[in-house]
Amino acid sequence: MVDFDRIDKLIEAVPRALALRAGLDLGIFTQLGESAETANSLGAALKVEPDRLSRLLYALASIGLLEVRDGRFRNGAEASAFLDASKPTYRGGDHALLRELWGADLLTAESLRQNRPAALHDFSEAGPESAAAFSRMLAPGGVIFGRNLARVMDLSAVGSVIDIGGGAGTILVGLRERWPRIAATLMELPTVAAVAPAILSEYGADDVVVEEGDITVAPSIGRHDLAILKAVVQVLPPDQARNSILNAARCLTQGGEIAIAGWGVVDDDRLGPPEGVFLNLTFLNLYRHGESYTEGQYRAWMTEAGFRDISRSRLTDGCTLFRARLTG
């Protein structure tokens, strides 16, 4: 007999996820830290009316992210480990981005009806203010990804790294916490490159070289031991996605390594992983041509560019990582 359980579970997940995002947006988990506080004390610290805040606190407690005893709330185990921004294992840095992505997801049917993105985002047409706002929104998540990458890659022999299309370049900040001696370059479109130095300065990374360029057209003016493309290929049409990898290869020294990462990757049967499958719907609403490309497409483009020993792995945050070395 067919029941409604699968549909119920899908619907029930939505308000829980929205409560989590609200908690991140308000900074509840970071404010709590290792302490236990009442709704009154939290409300005062967060400048939020306590009675109304308590509704969210009890909702978060009901799903195990908070614990409550005698009217005092504290972080649950997962929230303490991953949702407190003071911890190096923090996973909530993209909460502002989630507002954009989830908002776009509500428009999928409209995008299909209109045969165009209903929440169009065009990097090449972004003005200075919107470029700065979007880059700043991505900056915390960039640091976290850089830390994750630094943990899984041995960069002891790397002297120079280039982050291609890396927004504000904060991936380099997280990467160099573990590998501080590496020289770092950010290559970005002119509108983003113009705002990146100010954001990098806020993270104490004034020494990062910022280079204007379009990887779909030409490589960097320099050569580097490691090239990173995080969430770049997935926002491009197929011809430009291919060109970005071909030109990234031309940014490398002989035997240099490439790291291509993003959630916009699907298996060749296009049924998984879930991050790539559902981000593909988000792309319908944001980009004219971007999509979650298959593993086979990535491998074909990388092989054409001269890469060997191509590997695919999954980072702890669900992000797919392709790594390979340039032949020669």
Protein backbone atom coordinates (compact mmCIF):
# COMPACT_ATOMS: atom_id res chain seq x y z
CA MET A 1 0.00 0.00 0.00
CA VAL A 2 1.30 3.44 -0.91
CA ASP A 3 1.42 5.94 1.95
CA PHE A 4 2.16 9.65 2.31
CA ASP A 5 5.30 9.30 4.48
CA ARG A 6 7.84 10.35 1.85
CA ILE A 7 5.88 13.50 0.97
CA ASP A 8 5.28 14.32 4.64
CA LYS A 9 9.00 14.10 5.39
CA LEU A 10 9.86 16.40 2.49
CA ILE A 11 7.38 19.02 3.65
CA GLU A 12 8.38 18.72 7.31
CA ALA A 13 12.03 19.43 6.48
CA VAL A 14 11.33 22.93 5.17
CA PRO A 15 10.32 24.77 8.40
CA ARG A 16 13.17 23.07 10.28
CA ALA A 17 15.71 24.32 7.73
CA LEU A 18 14.23 27.83 7.86
CA ALA A 19 14.46 27.86 11.66
CA LEU A 20 18.13 26.87 11.40
CA ARG A 21 18.78 29.67 8.93
CA ALA A 22 17.05 32.19 11.21
CA GLY A 23 19.22 31.05 14.12
CA LEU A 24 22.35 31.54 12.03
CA ASP A 25 21.17 34.91 10.75
CA LEU A 26 20.61 36.16 14.31
CA GLY A 27 23.87 34.68 15.59
CA ILE A 28 22.14 32.66 18.31
CA PHE A 29 24.60 29.75 18.33
CA THR A 30 27.66 32.00 18.43
CA GLN A 31 26.15 34.19 21.15
CA LEU A 32 25.47 31.13 23.30
CA GLY A 33 28.93 29.64 22.83
CA GLU A 34 29.54 27.35 25.79
CA SER A 35 27.09 29.18 28.06
CA ALA A 36 23.44 28.69 28.98
CA GLU A 37 21.18 31.73 28.72
CA THR A 38 17.55 32.68 29.15
CA ALA A 39 15.46 34.15 26.36
CA ASN A 40 15.66 37.48 28.20
CA SER A 41 19.46 37.58 28.31
CA LEU A 42 19.78 36.35 24.72
CA GLY A 43 17.20 38.86 23.54
CA ALA A 44 19.09 41.70 25.22
CA ALA A 45 22.39 40.60 23.66
CA LEU A 46 20.87 40.16 20.20
CA LYS A 47 18.58 43.20 20.47
CA VAL A 48 15.51 41.04 19.86
CA GLU A 49 12.25 41.02 21.84
CA PRO A 50 12.61 38.04 24.25
CA ASP A 51 9.07 36.66 24.09
CA ARG A 52 9.15 36.51 20.32
CA LEU A 53 12.70 35.13 20.33
CA SER A 54 11.65 32.32 22.67
CA ARG A 55 9.46 30.86 19.92
CA LEU A 56 12.52 30.35 17.74
CA LEU A 57 14.59 29.06 20.66
CA TYR A 58 12.02 26.40 21.51
CA ALA A 59 11.74 25.47 17.82
CA LEU A 60 15.51 24.98 17.65
CA ALA A 61 15.38 22.97 20.86
CA SER A 62 12.64 20.77 19.42
CA ILE A 63 14.95 19.69 16.57
CA GLY A 64 17.94 19.13 18.86
CA LEU A 65 20.07 22.11 17.89
CA LEU A 66 19.54 23.67 21.31
CA GLU A 67 18.97 22.16 24.73
CA VAL A 68 16.71 23.77 27.32
CA ARG A 69 16.56 23.24 31.06
CA ASP A 70 14.81 25.44 33.61
CA GLY A 71 14.26 28.11 30.97
CA ARG A 72 17.95 28.35 30.02
CA PHE A 73 19.12 27.47 26.52
CA ARG A 74 22.47 26.09 25.45
CA ASN A 75 23.92 24.73 22.23
CA GLY A 76 23.40 21.07 21.42
CA ALA A 77 26.39 18.98 20.39
CA GLU A 78 26.09 19.66 16.64
CA ALA A 79 25.39 23.36 17.09
CA SER A 80 28.36 23.71 19.42
CA ALA A 81 30.68 21.99 16.96
CA PHE A 82 29.47 23.43 13.66
CA LEU A 83 27.24 26.49 14.16
CA ASP A 84 29.33 28.57 16.56
CA ALA A 85 31.31 31.04 14.41
CA SER A 86 34.11 31.20 16.98
CA LYS A 87 35.00 27.56 16.28
CA PRO A 88 37.36 26.51 13.45
CA THR A 89 34.84 23.80 12.48
CA TYR A 90 32.09 26.40 11.83
CA ARG A 91 29.82 25.43 8.95
CA GLY A 92 27.32 28.31 9.02
CA GLY A 93 29.25 30.92 7.08
CA ASP A 94 27.00 30.67 4.04
CA HIS A 95 23.78 31.50 5.85
CA ALA A 96 23.41 34.82 3.99
CA LEU A 97 23.94 32.98 0.72
CA LEU A 98 21.24 30.49 1.70
CA ARG A 99 18.71 33.33 1.73
CA GLU A 100 19.57 34.05 -1.90
CA LEU A 101 19.59 30.41 -2.98
CA TRP A 102 16.43 29.37 -1.18
CA GLY A 103 14.66 32.49 -2.36
CA ALA A 104 15.60 31.59 -5.91
CA ASP A 105 14.41 28.01 -5.41
CA LEU A 106 10.87 29.28 -4.82
CA LEU A 107 10.85 30.53 -8.42
CA THR A 108 11.67 27.27 -10.24
CA ALA A 109 8.21 26.83 -11.76
CA GLU A 110 8.18 30.48 -12.84
CA SER A 111 11.62 30.16 -14.46
CA LEU A 112 10.40 27.15 -16.42
CA ARG A 113 7.18 28.87 -17.51
CA GLN A 114 9.05 31.97 -18.68
CA ASN A 115 11.98 30.00 -20.15
CA ARG A 116 14.41 32.34 -18.41
CA PRO A 117 15.94 32.75 -14.92
CA ALA A 118 13.41 34.44 -12.65
CA ALA A 119 16.18 35.52 -10.23
CA LEU A 120 18.90 36.24 -12.78
CA HIS A 121 22.40 36.80 -11.43
CA ASP A 122 24.98 37.97 -13.98
CA PHE A 123 28.54 38.41 -12.67
CA SER A 124 29.67 40.27 -15.79
CA GLU A 125 26.97 42.92 -15.44
CA ALA A 126 27.28 43.49 -11.69
CA GLY A 127 27.87 47.08 -10.61
CA PRO A 128 30.37 48.02 -7.88
CA GLU A 129 27.83 48.01 -5.06
CA SER A 130 26.22 44.68 -5.95
CA ALA A 131 29.64 43.11 -6.63
CA ALA A 132 30.84 44.23 -3.20
CA ALA A 133 27.69 42.99 -1.45
CA PHE A 134 27.76 39.59 -3.15
CA SER A 135 31.49 39.12 -2.59
CA ARG A 136 31.17 40.06 1.08
CA MET A 137 28.30 37.58 1.46
CA LEU A 138 30.49 34.77 0.10
CA ALA A 139 33.59 35.74 2.08
CA PRO A 140 32.98 33.72 5.31
CA GLY A 141 32.21 30.56 3.35
CA GLY A 142 35.38 31.09 1.33
CA VAL A 143 37.51 31.01 4.47
CA ILE A 144 35.87 27.78 5.60
CA PHE A 145 36.38 26.13 2.21
CA GLY A 146 40.04 27.22 2.21
CA ARG A 147 40.53 25.56 5.60
CA ASN A 148 38.86 22.37 4.36
CA LEU A 149 41.04 22.32 1.25
CA ALA A 150 44.19 22.91 3.29
CA ARG A 151 43.37 19.86 5.41
CA VAL A 152 43.00 17.46 2.49
CA MET A 153 45.89 18.67 0.31
CA ASP A 154 49.61 18.47 1.01
CA LEU A 155 50.84 21.86 -0.16
CA SER A 156 54.35 21.62 1.27
CA ALA A 157 55.86 21.79 -2.23
CA VAL A 158 53.55 24.58 -3.49
CA GLY A 159 55.13 28.01 -3.79
CA SER A 160 52.32 29.87 -5.55
CA VAL A 161 48.56 29.43 -5.76
CA ILE A 162 45.96 31.21 -7.89
CA ASP A 163 42.29 31.35 -6.96
CA ILE A 164 40.40 31.78 -10.23
CA GLY A 165 36.98 33.39 -9.99
CA GLY A 166 37.18 33.30 -6.21
CA GLY A 167 35.11 36.38 -5.41
CA ALA A 168 36.80 38.26 -2.60
CA GLY A 169 39.60 35.67 -2.49
CA THR A 170 38.99 34.54 1.07
CA ILE A 171 39.60 30.91 0.09
CA LEU A 172 43.24 31.97 0.08
CA VAL A 173 42.86 33.30 3.63
CA GLY A 174 41.66 29.94 4.94
CA LEU A 175 44.22 28.02 2.88
CA ARG A 176 47.15 30.04 4.19
CA GLU A 177 46.20 29.65 7.83
CA ARG A 178 47.76 26.20 7.45
CA TRP A 179 50.24 27.03 4.66
CA PRO A 180 51.25 30.66 5.36
CA ARG A 181 54.36 30.78 3.17
CA ILE A 182 52.48 30.26 -0.12
CA ALA A 183 52.31 33.28 -2.44
CA ALA A 184 48.68 33.95 -3.38
CA THR A 185 46.97 35.49 -6.40
CA LEU A 186 43.27 36.12 -7.02
CA MET A 187 42.04 36.35 -10.63
CA GLU A 188 38.61 37.91 -11.03
CA LEU A 189 36.43 39.93 -13.39
CA PRO A 190 37.12 43.68 -13.17
CA THR A 191 34.03 44.59 -11.10
CA VAL A 192 34.83 41.96 -8.47
CA ALA A 193 38.59 42.54 -8.58
CA ALA A 194 37.94 46.19 -7.76
CA VAL A 195 36.25 45.40 -4.44
CA ALA A 196 38.35 42.38 -3.41
CA PRO A 197 41.36 44.22 -1.89
CA ALA A 198 39.22 45.99 0.71
CA ILE A 199 37.60 42.73 1.80
CA LEU A 200 40.94 40.89 1.85
CA SER A 201 42.36 43.68 4.00
CA GLU A 202 39.63 43.03 6.57
CA TYR A 203 40.96 39.47 6.81
CA GLY A 204 44.59 40.61 7.14
CA ALA A 205 45.48 39.45 3.62
CA ASP A 206 46.79 42.65 2.04
CA ASP A 207 49.60 40.70 0.37
CA VAL A 208 47.28 38.75 -1.96
CA VAL A 209 47.87 39.87 -5.54
CA VAL A 210 44.60 40.74 -7.27
CA GLU A 211 44.62 40.31 -11.04
CA GLU A 212 41.85 41.36 -13.40
CA GLY A 213 40.95 38.73 -15.96
CA ASP A 214 38.37 36.42 -17.49
CA ILE A 215 39.42 32.76 -17.36
CA THR A 216 37.00 31.90 -20.16
CA VAL A 217 39.03 34.15 -22.46
CA ALA A 218 42.66 33.93 -21.33
CA PRO A 219 44.87 32.50 -18.58
CA SER A 220 46.60 34.41 -15.79
CA ILE A 221 49.60 36.55 -16.66
CA GLY A 222 51.69 34.40 -14.28
CA ARG A 223 52.31 30.72 -13.70
CA HIS A 224 51.48 28.95 -10.47
CA ASP A 225 51.89 25.57 -8.77
CA LEU A 226 48.22 25.25 -7.87
CA ALA A 227 45.05 26.61 -9.50
CA ILE A 228 41.73 26.61 -7.66
CA LEU A 229 38.36 26.95 -9.36
CA LYS A 230 35.63 26.90 -6.71
CA ALA A 231 32.02 27.14 -7.96
CA VAL A 232 33.24 28.60 -11.27
CA VAL A 233 32.69 25.93 -13.92
CA GLN A 234 29.13 25.32 -12.76
CA VAL A 235 27.94 28.89 -13.51
CA LEU A 236 29.15 28.84 -17.14
CA PRO A 237 27.67 27.52 -20.40
CA PRO A 238 29.41 24.38 -21.72
CA ASP A 239 31.78 26.11 -24.16
CA GLN A 240 32.95 28.57 -21.52
CA ALA A 241 33.14 25.84 -18.87
CA ARG A 242 35.50 23.94 -21.17
CA ASN A 243 37.53 27.09 -21.90
CA SER A 244 37.87 27.88 -18.20
CA ILE A 245 39.55 24.52 -17.60
CA LEU A 246 41.74 24.78 -20.70
CA ASN A 247 42.91 28.25 -19.66
CA ALA A 248 43.36 27.18 -16.03
CA ALA A 249 45.85 24.59 -17.27
CA ARG A 250 47.78 27.41 -18.93
CA CYS A 251 48.05 29.15 -15.53
CA LEU A 252 50.14 26.28 -14.17
CA THR A 253 53.80 25.37 -14.07
CA GLN A 254 54.86 21.98 -15.42
CA GLY A 255 53.45 19.30 -13.14
CA GLY A 256 51.21 21.87 -11.45
CA GLU A 257 47.97 20.80 -9.79
CA ILE A 258 44.38 21.88 -10.30
CA ALA A 259 41.57 21.76 -7.75
CA ILE A 260 38.07 22.17 -9.18
CA ALA A 261 35.37 22.23 -6.53
CA GLY A 262 31.68 22.93 -6.16
CA TRP A 263 28.31 21.46 -5.37
CA GLY A 264 27.35 21.76 -9.05
CA VAL A 265 28.49 18.25 -10.01
CA VAL A 266 26.30 15.22 -10.70
CA ASP A 267 26.99 11.57 -11.38
CA ASP A 268 26.75 10.47 -14.98
CA ASP A 269 23.21 9.13 -14.38
CA ARG A 270 22.24 12.63 -13.06
CA LEU A 271 20.48 11.12 -10.01
CA GLY A 272 23.03 12.12 -7.38
CA PRO A 273 24.58 13.42 -5.28
CA PRO A 274 21.60 15.39 -3.90
CA GLU A 275 23.59 18.62 -3.61
CA GLY A 276 24.32 18.65 -7.34
CA VAL A 277 20.88 17.46 -8.42
CA PHE A 278 18.99 20.15 -6.52
CA LEU A 279 21.52 22.91 -7.11
CA ASN A 280 20.83 22.28 -10.79
CA LEU A 281 17.29 23.54 -10.14
CA THR A 282 18.67 26.61 -8.37
CA PHE A 283 20.80 27.33 -11.43
CA LEU A 284 17.63 27.43 -13.56
CA ASN A 285 16.59 30.49 -11.56
CA LEU A 286 19.96 32.25 -11.33
CA TYR A 287 21.86 31.71 -14.57
CA ARG A 288 21.08 31.66 -18.26
CA HIS A 289 23.38 28.73 -18.92
CA GLY A 290 25.01 27.41 -15.71
CA GLU A 291 24.31 23.84 -14.65
CA SER A 292 25.54 20.90 -12.63
CA TYR A 293 27.77 19.16 -15.14
CA THR A 294 28.40 15.41 -14.99
CA GLU A 295 31.57 13.77 -13.77
CA GLY A 296 32.16 12.55 -17.32
CA GLN A 297 32.03 16.10 -18.68
CA TYR A 298 34.52 17.34 -16.08
CA ARG A 299 36.89 14.46 -16.79
CA ALA A 300 36.69 15.00 -20.56
CA TRP A 301 37.49 18.71 -20.26
CA MET A 302 40.34 18.06 -17.81
CA THR A 303 41.82 15.34 -20.01
CA GLU A 304 41.65 17.62 -23.04
CA ALA A 305 43.48 20.31 -21.05
CA GLY A 306 46.36 17.89 -20.41
CA PHE A 307 45.60 16.75 -16.87
CA ARG A 308 46.33 13.23 -15.63
CA ASP A 309 45.59 11.23 -12.48
CA ILE A 310 42.16 12.83 -12.21
CA SER A 311 40.46 12.04 -8.92
CA ARG A 312 37.03 12.89 -7.53
CA SER A 313 36.34 13.11 -3.80
CA ARG A 314 33.77 14.58 -1.46
CA LEU A 315 34.65 17.13 1.21
CA THR A 316 33.02 17.07 4.63
CA ASP A 317 30.54 19.78 3.61
CA GLY A 318 29.32 17.73 0.63
CA CYS A 319 31.29 19.73 -1.90
CA THR A 320 32.77 17.72 -4.80
CA LEU A 321 36.51 18.10 -5.40
CA PHE A 322 38.32 17.15 -8.60
CA ARG A 323 42.11 17.07 -8.43
CA ALA A 324 44.65 16.39 -11.19
CA ARG A 325 48.19 17.20 -12.31
CA LEU A 326 49.28 18.79 -15.55
CA THR A 327 51.31 16.46 -17.72
CA GLY A 328 54.76 17.47 -18.84
